[in-house]
């Protein structure tokens, strides 16, 4: 029971940290406080201003650094989940290792769901603004 509680805690903490990072992106993309359409797209022409937000500027001026930071963060979470799963397989009984694996899989699916959501709702609109600005230059 302790091992399952420990792994559940790890999973919840990882999801909480990851979702908090996604919320920071949402606050920095210009959509914070603006109404969104049902499909999650910005309402009232807000998308045209996203390229000049703090996140838009980071993506425009420091794309490499941002890509390294974001990919390192995601890779670190994946590594800690895989390491915990491997430890469970090596150290625990098969039944317990399977239960740990299920909890870690749920954690990973949750995080990947938020990655997809963030890519669609935050980075997609900003990329379109940046591409439109570059095409207009």
N, C-alpha and C. Protein backbone atom coordinates (compact mmCIF):
# COMPACT_ATOMS: atom_id res chain seq x y z
N UNK A 1 0.82 -1.19 0.00
CA UNK A 1 0.00 0.00 0.00
C UNK A 1 0.87 1.26 0.00
N UNK A 2 1.98 1.21 0.75
CA UNK A 2 2.86 2.37 0.81
C UNK A 2 3.44 2.70 -0.56
N UNK A 3 3.86 1.68 -1.29
CA UNK A 3 4.47 1.90 -2.61
C UNK A 3 3.45 2.53 -3.55
N UNK A 4 2.22 2.03 -3.55
CA UNK A 4 1.19 2.59 -4.42
C UNK A 4 0.87 4.03 -4.04
N UNK A 5 0.81 4.31 -2.75
CA UNK A 5 0.57 5.67 -2.30
C UNK A 5 1.72 6.58 -2.72
N UNK A 6 2.94 6.09 -2.59
CA UNK A 6 4.12 6.85 -2.97
C UNK A 6 4.11 7.17 -4.47
N UNK A 7 3.80 6.17 -5.29
CA UNK A 7 3.78 6.37 -6.74
C UNK A 7 2.62 7.28 -7.13
N UNK A 8 1.47 7.14 -6.48
CA UNK A 8 0.34 8.02 -6.76
C UNK A 8 0.69 9.47 -6.43
N UNK A 9 1.38 9.67 -5.32
CA UNK A 9 1.82 11.01 -4.94
C UNK A 9 2.77 11.58 -5.99
N UNK A 10 3.74 10.77 -6.41
CA UNK A 10 4.68 11.21 -7.45
C UNK A 10 3.92 11.59 -8.71
N UNK A 11 3.00 10.76 -9.14
CA UNK A 11 2.24 11.04 -10.35
C UNK A 11 1.44 12.32 -10.24
N UNK A 12 0.76 12.51 -9.13
CA UNK A 12 -0.04 13.72 -8.95
C UNK A 12 0.83 14.97 -8.90
N UNK A 13 1.97 14.88 -8.25
CA UNK A 13 2.87 16.02 -8.16
C UNK A 13 3.43 16.38 -9.54
N UNK A 14 3.79 15.36 -10.32
CA UNK A 14 4.30 15.62 -11.66
C UNK A 14 3.23 16.27 -12.53
N UNK A 15 2.01 15.77 -12.45
CA UNK A 15 0.91 16.37 -13.22
C UNK A 15 0.67 17.80 -12.77
N UNK A 16 0.68 18.04 -11.47
CA UNK A 16 0.45 19.39 -10.95
C UNK A 16 1.50 20.37 -11.45
N UNK A 17 2.77 19.97 -11.40
CA UNK A 17 3.84 20.85 -11.86
C UNK A 17 3.70 21.09 -13.36
N UNK A 18 3.41 20.04 -14.11
CA UNK A 18 3.30 20.18 -15.55
C UNK A 18 2.12 21.07 -15.94
N UNK A 19 0.98 20.86 -15.32
CA UNK A 19 -0.20 21.67 -15.64
C UNK A 19 0.03 23.12 -15.21
N UNK A 20 0.74 23.34 -14.11
CA UNK A 20 1.06 24.71 -13.69
C UNK A 20 1.91 25.39 -14.75
N UNK A 21 2.85 24.66 -15.34
CA UNK A 21 3.65 25.24 -16.42
C UNK A 21 2.77 25.58 -17.62
N UNK A 22 1.82 24.72 -17.95
CA UNK A 22 0.92 24.99 -19.06
C UNK A 22 0.06 26.22 -18.77
N UNK A 23 -0.36 26.40 -17.52
CA UNK A 23 -1.13 27.59 -17.15
C UNK A 23 -0.30 28.86 -17.28
N UNK A 24 0.97 28.77 -16.96
CA UNK A 24 1.85 29.93 -17.15
C UNK A 24 1.93 30.30 -18.62
N UNK A 25 2.00 29.29 -19.49
CA UNK A 25 1.99 29.56 -20.92
C UNK A 25 0.70 30.27 -21.32
N UNK A 26 -0.42 29.82 -20.76
CA UNK A 26 -1.71 30.44 -21.09
C UNK A 26 -1.75 31.89 -20.62
N UNK A 27 -1.13 32.17 -19.48
CA UNK A 27 -1.12 33.54 -18.97
C UNK A 27 -0.23 34.43 -19.83
N UNK A 28 0.78 33.84 -20.46
CA UNK A 28 1.74 34.63 -21.23
C UNK A 28 1.38 34.74 -22.71
N UNK A 29 0.35 34.03 -23.18
CA UNK A 29 0.08 34.01 -24.61
C UNK A 29 -0.93 35.07 -25.06
N UNK A 30 -1.40 35.89 -24.16
CA UNK A 30 -2.32 36.94 -24.51
C UNK A 30 -3.78 36.55 -24.38
N UNK A 31 -4.06 35.29 -24.06
CA UNK A 31 -5.45 34.87 -23.96
C UNK A 31 -5.99 34.95 -22.54
N UNK A 32 -5.14 35.24 -21.57
CA UNK A 32 -5.56 35.28 -20.18
C UNK A 32 -6.63 36.35 -19.99
N UNK A 33 -7.77 35.96 -19.48
CA UNK A 33 -8.86 36.89 -19.23
C UNK A 33 -9.75 37.15 -20.44
N UNK A 34 -9.36 36.62 -21.59
CA UNK A 34 -10.19 36.80 -22.79
C UNK A 34 -11.12 35.61 -22.95
N UNK A 35 -12.30 35.86 -23.47
CA UNK A 35 -13.24 34.78 -23.73
C UNK A 35 -12.75 33.97 -24.93
N UNK A 36 -12.95 32.65 -24.84
CA UNK A 36 -12.58 31.78 -25.94
C UNK A 36 -13.85 31.24 -26.59
N UNK A 37 -13.74 30.92 -27.85
CA UNK A 37 -14.83 30.26 -28.55
C UNK A 37 -14.97 28.84 -28.03
N UNK A 38 -16.04 28.17 -28.40
CA UNK A 38 -16.30 26.81 -27.92
C UNK A 38 -15.15 25.88 -28.27
N UNK A 39 -14.50 26.07 -29.42
CA UNK A 39 -13.41 25.18 -29.84
C UNK A 39 -12.08 25.55 -29.19
N UNK A 40 -12.07 26.54 -28.32
CA UNK A 40 -10.85 26.94 -27.63
C UNK A 40 -10.10 28.04 -28.34
N UNK A 41 -10.55 28.44 -29.52
CA UNK A 41 -9.88 29.51 -30.24
C UNK A 41 -10.27 30.85 -29.61
N UNK A 42 -9.40 31.85 -29.76
CA UNK A 42 -9.68 33.15 -29.14
C UNK A 42 -10.86 33.85 -29.79
N UNK A 43 -11.60 34.56 -28.99
CA UNK A 43 -12.73 35.32 -29.51
C UNK A 43 -12.37 36.77 -29.75
N UNK A 44 -13.17 37.46 -30.47
CA UNK A 44 -13.06 38.91 -30.67
C UNK A 44 -11.75 39.35 -31.30
N UNK A 45 -11.16 38.57 -32.19
CA UNK A 45 -9.95 38.98 -32.90
C UNK A 45 -8.71 39.03 -32.04
N UNK A 46 -8.72 38.37 -30.89
CA UNK A 46 -7.57 38.42 -29.98
C UNK A 46 -6.33 37.75 -30.54
N UNK A 47 -6.49 36.82 -31.47
CA UNK A 47 -5.36 36.04 -31.96
C UNK A 47 -4.30 36.91 -32.64
N UNK A 48 -4.72 38.00 -33.27
CA UNK A 48 -3.77 38.82 -34.00
C UNK A 48 -2.73 39.47 -33.07
N UNK A 49 -3.03 39.58 -31.78
CA UNK A 49 -2.11 40.21 -30.86
C UNK A 49 -1.19 39.23 -30.14
N UNK A 50 -1.41 37.94 -30.31
CA UNK A 50 -0.63 36.95 -29.56
C UNK A 50 0.85 36.97 -29.90
N UNK A 51 1.20 37.33 -31.11
CA UNK A 51 2.61 37.37 -31.50
C UNK A 51 3.40 38.41 -30.72
N UNK A 52 2.72 39.43 -30.17
CA UNK A 52 3.42 40.47 -29.43
C UNK A 52 3.34 40.29 -27.91
N UNK A 53 2.85 39.15 -27.46
CA UNK A 53 2.81 38.87 -26.03
C UNK A 53 4.17 38.40 -25.55
N UNK A 54 4.34 38.27 -24.25
CA UNK A 54 5.64 37.84 -23.72
C UNK A 54 6.02 36.46 -24.25
N UNK A 55 5.07 35.52 -24.32
CA UNK A 55 5.38 34.20 -24.86
C UNK A 55 5.67 34.28 -26.35
N UNK A 56 4.94 35.11 -27.07
CA UNK A 56 5.21 35.29 -28.49
C UNK A 56 6.60 35.85 -28.73
N UNK A 57 7.00 36.81 -27.90
CA UNK A 57 8.34 37.38 -28.04
C UNK A 57 9.42 36.36 -27.70
N UNK A 58 9.20 35.56 -26.67
CA UNK A 58 10.17 34.51 -26.33
C UNK A 58 10.32 33.54 -27.49
N UNK A 59 9.21 33.12 -28.08
CA UNK A 59 9.27 32.19 -29.21
C UNK A 59 9.92 32.81 -30.44
N UNK A 60 9.76 34.14 -30.61
CA UNK A 60 10.36 34.82 -31.75
C UNK A 60 11.84 35.09 -31.54
N UNK A 61 12.19 35.58 -30.34
CA UNK A 61 13.57 36.00 -30.09
C UNK A 61 14.48 34.88 -29.58
N UNK A 62 13.92 33.94 -28.86
CA UNK A 62 14.73 32.87 -28.26
C UNK A 62 14.13 31.49 -28.53
N UNK A 63 13.89 31.16 -29.79
CA UNK A 63 13.22 29.87 -30.07
C UNK A 63 14.05 28.66 -29.65
N UNK A 64 15.36 28.73 -29.84
CA UNK A 64 16.20 27.59 -29.48
C UNK A 64 16.21 27.37 -27.97
N UNK A 65 16.40 28.44 -27.21
CA UNK A 65 16.43 28.32 -25.76
C UNK A 65 15.10 27.80 -25.22
N UNK A 66 14.00 28.30 -25.77
CA UNK A 66 12.69 27.85 -25.32
C UNK A 66 12.49 26.38 -25.66
N UNK A 67 12.88 25.99 -26.86
CA UNK A 67 12.74 24.58 -27.26
C UNK A 67 13.56 23.67 -26.36
N UNK A 68 14.78 24.08 -26.02
CA UNK A 68 15.62 23.29 -25.12
C UNK A 68 14.98 23.20 -23.74
N UNK A 69 14.48 24.31 -23.22
CA UNK A 69 13.86 24.32 -21.90
C UNK A 69 12.63 23.42 -21.87
N UNK A 70 11.74 23.57 -22.84
CA UNK A 70 10.50 22.80 -22.84
C UNK A 70 10.77 21.31 -23.07
N UNK A 71 11.63 20.98 -24.01
CA UNK A 71 11.92 19.57 -24.27
C UNK A 71 12.67 18.93 -23.11
N UNK A 72 13.55 19.67 -22.45
CA UNK A 72 14.25 19.14 -21.28
C UNK A 72 13.29 18.87 -20.14
N UNK A 73 12.35 19.77 -19.95
CA UNK A 73 11.37 19.60 -18.88
C UNK A 73 10.52 18.35 -19.13
N UNK A 74 10.01 18.21 -20.36
CA UNK A 74 9.19 17.04 -20.70
C UNK A 74 10.02 15.77 -20.62
N UNK A 75 11.24 15.80 -21.15
CA UNK A 75 12.11 14.61 -21.10
C UNK A 75 12.44 14.23 -19.65
N UNK A 76 12.63 15.21 -18.79
CA UNK A 76 12.89 14.93 -17.38
C UNK A 76 11.72 14.25 -16.71
N UNK A 77 10.52 14.69 -17.01
CA UNK A 77 9.33 14.05 -16.45
C UNK A 77 9.20 12.61 -16.97
N UNK A 78 9.42 12.43 -18.27
CA UNK A 78 9.35 11.08 -18.84
C UNK A 78 10.40 10.18 -18.19
N UNK A 79 11.61 10.69 -18.01
CA UNK A 79 12.68 9.88 -17.40
C UNK A 79 12.35 9.47 -15.97
N UNK A 80 11.81 10.38 -15.18
CA UNK A 80 11.51 10.03 -13.79
C UNK A 80 10.37 9.01 -13.73
N UNK A 81 9.41 9.12 -14.66
CA UNK A 81 8.33 8.13 -14.70
C UNK A 81 8.88 6.77 -15.11
N UNK A 82 9.73 6.74 -16.15
CA UNK A 82 10.31 5.47 -16.59
C UNK A 82 11.22 4.87 -15.52
N UNK A 83 12.00 5.71 -14.84
CA UNK A 83 12.89 5.21 -13.79
C UNK A 83 12.08 4.60 -12.64
N UNK A 84 10.99 5.25 -12.29
CA UNK A 84 10.14 4.72 -11.22
C UNK A 84 9.51 3.40 -11.64
N UNK A 85 9.08 3.32 -12.89
CA UNK A 85 8.51 2.08 -13.40
C UNK A 85 9.53 0.96 -13.44
N UNK A 86 10.74 1.26 -13.88
CA UNK A 86 11.81 0.26 -13.92
C UNK A 86 12.16 -0.21 -12.51
N UNK A 87 12.23 0.71 -11.58
CA UNK A 87 12.51 0.36 -10.19
C UNK A 87 11.43 -0.58 -9.65
N UNK A 88 10.19 -0.32 -9.99
CA UNK A 88 9.09 -1.17 -9.53
C UNK A 88 9.22 -2.58 -10.09
N UNK A 89 9.59 -2.69 -11.36
CA UNK A 89 9.74 -4.01 -11.98
C UNK A 89 10.88 -4.78 -11.34
N UNK A 90 11.97 -4.10 -11.05
CA UNK A 90 13.16 -4.77 -10.50
C UNK A 90 13.00 -5.12 -9.03
N UNK A 91 12.38 -4.26 -8.24
CA UNK A 91 12.37 -4.43 -6.79
C UNK A 91 11.11 -5.07 -6.21
N UNK A 92 9.99 -4.99 -6.90
CA UNK A 92 8.73 -5.40 -6.29
C UNK A 92 8.17 -6.66 -6.92
N UNK A 93 7.17 -7.20 -6.26
CA UNK A 93 6.46 -8.36 -6.78
C UNK A 93 5.76 -7.98 -8.08
N UNK A 94 5.54 -8.96 -8.98
CA UNK A 94 4.92 -8.65 -10.27
C UNK A 94 3.57 -7.94 -10.15
N UNK A 95 2.72 -8.34 -9.22
CA UNK A 95 1.42 -7.70 -9.06
C UNK A 95 1.56 -6.23 -8.69
N UNK A 96 2.45 -5.95 -7.74
CA UNK A 96 2.67 -4.57 -7.33
C UNK A 96 3.31 -3.76 -8.46
N UNK A 97 4.24 -4.38 -9.18
CA UNK A 97 4.87 -3.69 -10.31
C UNK A 97 3.83 -3.34 -11.37
N UNK A 98 2.87 -4.23 -11.60
CA UNK A 98 1.82 -3.96 -12.58
C UNK A 98 0.95 -2.79 -12.12
N UNK A 99 0.60 -2.76 -10.85
CA UNK A 99 -0.22 -1.66 -10.32
C UNK A 99 0.53 -0.33 -10.42
N UNK A 100 1.82 -0.35 -10.13
CA UNK A 100 2.64 0.86 -10.26
C UNK A 100 2.65 1.29 -11.73
N UNK A 101 2.80 0.33 -12.63
CA UNK A 101 2.81 0.64 -14.06
C UNK A 101 1.51 1.28 -14.53
N UNK A 102 0.39 0.80 -14.00
CA UNK A 102 -0.90 1.38 -14.36
C UNK A 102 -0.97 2.83 -13.89
N UNK A 103 -0.55 3.09 -12.66
CA UNK A 103 -0.58 4.46 -12.14
C UNK A 103 0.33 5.38 -12.95
N UNK A 104 1.51 4.89 -13.31
CA UNK A 104 2.43 5.70 -14.09
C UNK A 104 1.91 5.93 -15.51
N UNK A 105 1.24 4.95 -16.07
CA UNK A 105 0.65 5.11 -17.39
C UNK A 105 -0.45 6.17 -17.37
N UNK A 106 -1.27 6.17 -16.34
CA UNK A 106 -2.31 7.19 -16.20
C UNK A 106 -1.67 8.57 -16.09
N UNK A 107 -0.60 8.66 -15.32
CA UNK A 107 0.12 9.93 -15.18
C UNK A 107 0.64 10.40 -16.54
N UNK A 108 1.26 9.49 -17.29
CA UNK A 108 1.83 9.85 -18.59
C UNK A 108 0.74 10.27 -19.57
N UNK A 109 -0.38 9.57 -19.60
CA UNK A 109 -1.47 9.91 -20.50
C UNK A 109 -2.03 11.29 -20.15
N UNK A 110 -2.15 11.59 -18.87
CA UNK A 110 -2.64 12.90 -18.44
C UNK A 110 -1.70 14.00 -18.91
N UNK A 111 -0.41 13.82 -18.71
CA UNK A 111 0.57 14.82 -19.12
C UNK A 111 0.56 15.00 -20.63
N UNK A 112 0.53 13.90 -21.38
CA UNK A 112 0.51 13.99 -22.84
C UNK A 112 -0.76 14.68 -23.34
N UNK A 113 -1.87 14.48 -22.64
CA UNK A 113 -3.10 15.18 -22.99
C UNK A 113 -2.95 16.68 -22.85
N UNK A 114 -2.28 17.10 -21.78
CA UNK A 114 -2.06 18.54 -21.60
C UNK A 114 -1.03 19.09 -22.58
N UNK A 115 -0.07 18.27 -22.99
CA UNK A 115 0.86 18.70 -24.04
C UNK A 115 0.10 18.99 -25.32
N UNK A 116 -0.77 18.07 -25.71
CA UNK A 116 -1.55 18.25 -26.94
C UNK A 116 -2.45 19.48 -26.83
N UNK A 117 -3.09 19.65 -25.68
CA UNK A 117 -3.98 20.81 -25.49
C UNK A 117 -3.18 22.11 -25.56
N UNK A 118 -2.03 22.15 -24.92
CA UNK A 118 -1.20 23.34 -24.93
C UNK A 118 -0.71 23.65 -26.34
N UNK A 119 -0.32 22.62 -27.08
CA UNK A 119 0.13 22.85 -28.46
C UNK A 119 -0.99 23.43 -29.31
N UNK A 120 -2.21 22.93 -29.10
CA UNK A 120 -3.34 23.40 -29.91
C UNK A 120 -3.81 24.79 -29.50
N UNK A 121 -3.92 25.05 -28.21
CA UNK A 121 -4.53 26.30 -27.74
C UNK A 121 -3.55 27.44 -27.51
N UNK A 122 -2.28 27.12 -27.28
CA UNK A 122 -1.31 28.18 -26.98
C UNK A 122 -0.33 28.36 -28.12
N UNK A 123 0.39 27.30 -28.44
CA UNK A 123 1.49 27.45 -29.40
C UNK A 123 1.01 27.55 -30.84
N UNK A 124 -0.09 26.88 -31.18
CA UNK A 124 -0.62 26.98 -32.54
C UNK A 124 -0.98 28.41 -32.92
N UNK A 125 -1.81 29.08 -32.12
CA UNK A 125 -2.16 30.47 -32.45
C UNK A 125 -0.95 31.41 -32.46
N UNK A 126 -0.01 31.21 -31.54
CA UNK A 126 1.17 32.09 -31.54
C UNK A 126 2.01 31.84 -32.78
N UNK A 127 2.18 30.59 -33.16
CA UNK A 127 2.95 30.27 -34.37
C UNK A 127 2.30 30.90 -35.60
N UNK A 128 0.97 30.85 -35.68
CA UNK A 128 0.28 31.46 -36.82
C UNK A 128 0.52 32.97 -36.85
N UNK A 129 0.53 33.61 -35.68
CA UNK A 129 0.79 35.06 -35.63
C UNK A 129 2.21 35.36 -36.06
N UNK A 130 3.15 34.56 -35.56
CA UNK A 130 4.56 34.78 -35.92
C UNK A 130 4.76 34.55 -37.41
N UNK A 131 4.17 33.49 -37.94
CA UNK A 131 4.29 33.21 -39.38
C UNK A 131 3.66 34.30 -40.21
N UNK A 132 2.52 34.83 -39.75
CA UNK A 132 1.85 35.91 -40.48
C UNK A 132 2.70 37.18 -40.46
N UNK A 133 3.34 37.46 -39.31
CA UNK A 133 4.21 38.63 -39.20
C UNK A 133 5.41 38.50 -40.12
N UNK A 134 5.99 37.28 -40.16
CA UNK A 134 7.17 37.06 -41.00
C UNK A 134 6.80 37.13 -42.47
N UNK A 135 5.61 36.65 -42.84
CA UNK A 135 5.17 36.71 -44.23
C UNK A 135 4.88 38.16 -44.65
N UNK A 136 4.47 38.98 -43.68
CA UNK A 136 4.15 40.38 -43.96
C UNK A 136 5.38 41.26 -44.09
N UNK A 137 6.52 40.79 -43.59
CA UNK A 137 7.74 41.62 -43.61
C UNK A 137 8.36 41.70 -44.98
